Amino acid sequence: MGGFTYPFGVGGAPEIDAQALSARHPREYAALAYLLETAGHPVTGTYPTRFGDQEAAILEAGNAWLAGTDARR
């Protein structure tokens, strides 16, 4: 699976405050969040990460929908 990241992580670019960035956003979103915030777009909220609880909930809901047992109906 591919990803969007800096070649050496956020620590590889000296002009980026890697410690502050990693404290605000998960590793999977840090690069994109940095670009958006630099462009003036605030990045707020909690986003699913690989193997996290939110990803599991999304997959479970998707599988239920595919099986025709979607609880939201």
C-alpha atoms as a PDB file:
ATOM      1  CA  MET A   1       0.000   0.000   0.000  1.00  0.00           C
ATOM      2  CA  GLY A   2       1.373   3.369  -0.968  1.00  0.00           C
ATOM      3  CA  GLY A   3       1.445   6.462   1.131  1.00  0.00           C
ATOM      4  CA  PHE A   4       1.988  10.197   1.088  1.00  0.00           C
ATOM      5  CA  THR A   5       4.944  11.168   3.192  1.00  0.00           C
ATOM      6  CA  TYR A   6       8.235  12.992   3.144  1.00  0.00           C
ATOM      7  CA  PRO A   7      11.192  10.941   1.929  1.00  0.00           C
ATOM      8  CA  PHE A   8      12.693  10.754   5.420  1.00  0.00           C
ATOM      9  CA  GLY A   9       9.626  11.495   7.552  1.00  0.00           C
ATOM     10  CA  VAL A  10       8.887  14.976   8.823  1.00  0.00           C
ATOM     11  CA  GLY A  11      12.246  15.012  10.607  1.00  0.00           C
ATOM     12  CA  GLY A  12      14.030  14.923   7.231  1.00  0.00           C
ATOM     13  CA  ALA A  13      13.093  18.503   6.384  1.00  0.00           C
ATOM     14  CA  PRO A  14      14.884  20.980   8.681  1.00  0.00           C
ATOM     15  CA  GLU A  15      12.364  23.822   8.161  1.00  0.00           C
ATOM     16  CA  ILE A  16       9.503  21.691   9.516  1.00  0.00           C
ATOM     17  CA  ASP A  17       8.943  21.530  13.262  1.00  0.00           C
ATOM     18  CA  ALA A  18       8.610  17.736  13.361  1.00  0.00           C
ATOM     19  CA  GLN A  19       7.952  17.542  17.085  1.00  0.00           C
ATOM     20  CA  ALA A  20       5.082  20.026  17.000  1.00  0.00           C
ATOM     21  CA  LEU A  21       3.611  18.472  13.858  1.00  0.00           C
ATOM     22  CA  SER A  22       3.685  14.919  15.204  1.00  0.00           C
ATOM     23  CA  ALA A  23       2.019  16.081  18.408  1.00  0.00           C
ATOM     24  CA  ARG A  24      -0.933  17.491  16.443  1.00  0.00           C
ATOM     25  CA  HIS A  25      -1.451  14.817  13.793  1.00  0.00           C
ATOM     26  CA  PRO A  26      -0.909  11.068  13.440  1.00  0.00           C
ATOM     27  CA  ARG A  27       2.081  10.012  11.351  1.00  0.00           C
ATOM     28  CA  GLU A  28      -0.182   8.889   8.507  1.00  0.00           C
ATOM     29  CA  TYR A  29      -1.659  12.396   8.130  1.00  0.00           C
ATOM     30  CA  ALA A  30       1.248  14.595   9.222  1.00  0.00           C
ATOM     31  CA  ALA A  31       2.555  15.437   5.744  1.00  0.00           C
ATOM     32  CA  LEU A  32      -0.847  16.253   4.275  1.00  0.00           C
ATOM     33  CA  ALA A  33      -1.890  18.160   7.399  1.00  0.00           C
ATOM     34  CA  TYR A  34       1.311  20.217   7.206  1.00  0.00           C
ATOM     35  CA  LEU A  35       0.651  21.159   3.576  1.00  0.00           C
ATOM     36  CA  LEU A  36      -2.972  22.066   4.283  1.00  0.00           C
ATOM     37  CA  GLU A  37      -2.114  24.133   7.360  1.00  0.00           C
ATOM     38  CA  THR A  38       0.699  25.901   5.520  1.00  0.00           C
ATOM     39  CA  ALA A  39      -1.817  26.823   2.803  1.00  0.00           C
ATOM     40  CA  GLY A  40      -4.118  28.281   5.467  1.00  0.00           C
ATOM     41  CA  HIS A  41      -6.620  25.437   5.798  1.00  0.00           C
ATOM     42  CA  PRO A  42      -7.090  24.289   9.410  1.00  0.00           C
ATOM     43  CA  VAL A  43      -6.961  20.542   9.963  1.00  0.00           C
ATOM     44  CA  THR A  44      -9.159  19.505  12.855  1.00  0.00           C
ATOM     45  CA  GLY A  45     -10.774  16.314  13.979  1.00  0.00           C
ATOM     46  CA  THR A  46      -9.721  12.753  14.461  1.00  0.00           C
ATOM     47  CA  TYR A  47      -9.081  10.642  11.394  1.00  0.00           C
ATOM     48  CA  PRO A  48      -8.842   6.871  11.031  1.00  0.00           C
ATOM     49  CA  THR A  49      -5.390   5.339  10.890  1.00  0.00           C
ATOM     50  CA  ARG A  50      -4.344   1.900   9.719  1.00  0.00           C
ATOM     51  CA  PHE A  51      -5.313  -0.847  12.199  1.00  0.00           C
ATOM     52  CA  GLY A  52      -6.989   1.691  14.519  1.00  0.00           C
ATOM     53  CA  ASP A  53     -10.402   1.494  16.146  1.00  0.00           C
ATOM     54  CA  GLN A  54     -11.952   3.904  13.650  1.00  0.00           C
ATOM     55  CA  GLU A  55     -10.691   1.854  10.699  1.00  0.00           C
ATOM     56  CA  ALA A  56     -12.156  -1.291  12.262  1.00  0.00           C
ATOM     57  CA  ALA A  57     -15.531   0.437  12.691  1.00  0.00           C
ATOM     58  CA  ILE A  58     -15.514   1.628   9.068  1.00  0.00           C
ATOM     59  CA  LEU A  59     -14.668  -1.855   7.807  1.00  0.00           C
ATOM     60  CA  GLU A  60     -17.336  -3.436  10.001  1.00  0.00           C
ATOM     61  CA  ALA A  61     -19.977  -0.995   8.759  1.00  0.00           C
ATOM     62  CA  GLY A  62     -18.926  -1.580   5.150  1.00  0.00           C
ATOM     63  CA  ASN A  63     -19.061  -5.347   5.515  1.00  0.00           C
ATOM     64  CA  ALA A  64     -22.494  -5.114   7.156  1.00  0.00           C
ATOM     65  CA  TRP A  65     -23.716  -2.957   4.285  1.00  0.00           C
ATOM     66  CA  LEU A  66     -22.372  -5.417   1.725  1.00  0.00           C
ATOM     67  CA  ALA A  67     -24.046  -8.304   3.552  1.00  0.00           C
ATOM     68  CA  GLY A  68     -27.354  -6.405   3.571  1.00  0.00           C
ATOM     69  CA  THR A  69     -27.462  -6.114   7.354  1.00  0.00           C
ATOM     70  CA  ASP A  70     -26.695  -2.421   7.583  1.00  0.00           C
ATOM     71  CA  ALA A  71     -27.958  -1.316  11.016  1.00  0.00           C
ATOM     72  CA  ARG A  72     -28.531   2.260   9.785  1.00  0.00           C
ATOM     73  CA  ARG A  73     -31.487   1.218   7.609  1.00  0.00           C
END
